[in-house]
Amino acid sequence: GGIEKTLRFRRFTRRNIKNSFGEKESRFCVALQMNIEGHAVRSSVSLTDRSGMRYPVLIGRKTLRGRFLVDVAG
């Protein structure tokens, strides 16, 4: 496990998002500022339980676009 911390948000939205099985599900979304390799990046993040999955967070293409180069071979 990683670090666990409880956060409370006053501003949030709810969106219908396609999950990995192609089914639509309603998720809460919040705006976050995250640090990626020393760069402060603001992004909208959808919240879902990823406790049983390999990666605790997925960073979307829109967040990375024009800021980072991703090596998919690694």
Protein backbone atom coordinates (compact mmCIF):
# COMPACT_ATOMS: atom_id res chain seq x y z
CA GLY A 1 0.00 0.00 0.00
CA GLY A 2 0.68 3.63 -0.35
CA ILE A 3 -0.05 6.65 1.74
CA GLU A 4 -3.68 7.02 2.78
CA LYS A 5 -5.15 10.45 3.41
CA THR A 6 -8.71 11.74 3.65
CA LEU A 7 -9.50 14.86 1.60
CA ARG A 8 -12.74 16.87 1.53
CA PHE A 9 -13.86 18.90 -1.48
CA ARG A 10 -16.52 21.56 -1.61
CA ARG A 11 -16.33 21.81 -5.39
CA PHE A 12 -16.98 18.69 -7.42
CA THR A 13 -18.96 17.49 -10.40
CA ARG A 14 -20.52 14.17 -11.28
CA ARG A 15 -19.90 12.71 -14.75
CA ASN A 16 -20.81 9.58 -16.64
CA ILE A 17 -17.53 7.89 -17.53
CA LYS A 18 -16.89 4.66 -19.46
CA ASN A 19 -15.06 2.10 -17.33
CA SER A 20 -12.54 -0.44 -18.64
CA PHE A 21 -15.40 -2.80 -19.57
CA GLY A 22 -17.04 -0.15 -21.77
CA GLU A 23 -19.93 0.40 -19.34
CA LYS A 24 -20.95 3.90 -18.29
CA GLU A 25 -20.81 4.69 -14.58
CA SER A 26 -21.39 7.87 -12.61
CA ARG A 27 -18.25 9.16 -10.89
CA PHE A 28 -17.36 12.18 -8.80
CA CYS A 29 -14.72 14.45 -10.36
CA VAL A 30 -12.54 16.99 -8.58
CA ALA A 31 -9.89 19.49 -9.69
CA LEU A 32 -6.46 18.67 -8.27
CA GLN A 33 -2.98 20.03 -8.52
CA MET A 34 -0.43 17.23 -8.70
CA ASN A 35 3.33 17.11 -8.94
CA ILE A 36 4.72 15.13 -11.88
CA GLU A 37 8.52 15.00 -12.01
CA GLY A 38 8.79 18.42 -10.35
CA HIS A 39 6.10 20.07 -12.51
CA ALA A 40 2.90 21.36 -10.89
CA VAL A 41 -0.01 20.19 -13.07
CA ARG A 42 -3.71 20.98 -12.60
CA SER A 43 -6.15 18.35 -13.77
CA SER A 44 -9.72 17.13 -13.37
CA VAL A 45 -9.65 13.70 -11.75
CA SER A 46 -12.45 11.13 -11.61
CA LEU A 47 -12.66 9.19 -8.37
CA THR A 48 -13.04 5.43 -8.24
CA ASP A 49 -11.82 2.62 -5.99
CA ARG A 50 -8.56 1.31 -7.47
CA SER A 51 -7.48 -0.65 -4.37
CA GLY A 52 -7.36 -3.97 -6.22
CA MET A 53 -5.65 -2.64 -9.32
CA ARG A 54 -2.01 -2.45 -10.37
CA TYR A 55 -1.82 1.36 -10.57
CA PRO A 56 -3.44 3.54 -7.88
CA VAL A 57 -3.89 6.51 -10.27
CA LEU A 58 -4.31 6.86 -14.02
CA ILE A 59 -3.20 10.11 -15.65
CA GLY A 60 -5.15 10.92 -18.81
CA ARG A 61 -3.92 12.00 -22.24
CA LYS A 62 -5.38 15.49 -21.87
CA THR A 63 -3.37 16.10 -18.71
CA LEU A 64 -0.13 14.95 -20.36
CA ARG A 65 -0.69 16.51 -23.80
CA GLY A 66 1.85 19.20 -24.70
CA ARG A 67 3.69 18.85 -21.37
CA PHE A 68 5.28 15.41 -21.31
CA LEU A 69 6.63 12.80 -23.69
CA VAL A 70 5.57 9.26 -22.72
CA ASP A 71 7.82 6.29 -23.51
CA VAL A 72 5.35 3.45 -24.03
CA ALA A 73 8.12 0.90 -24.62
CA GLY A 74 9.30 1.03 -20.96
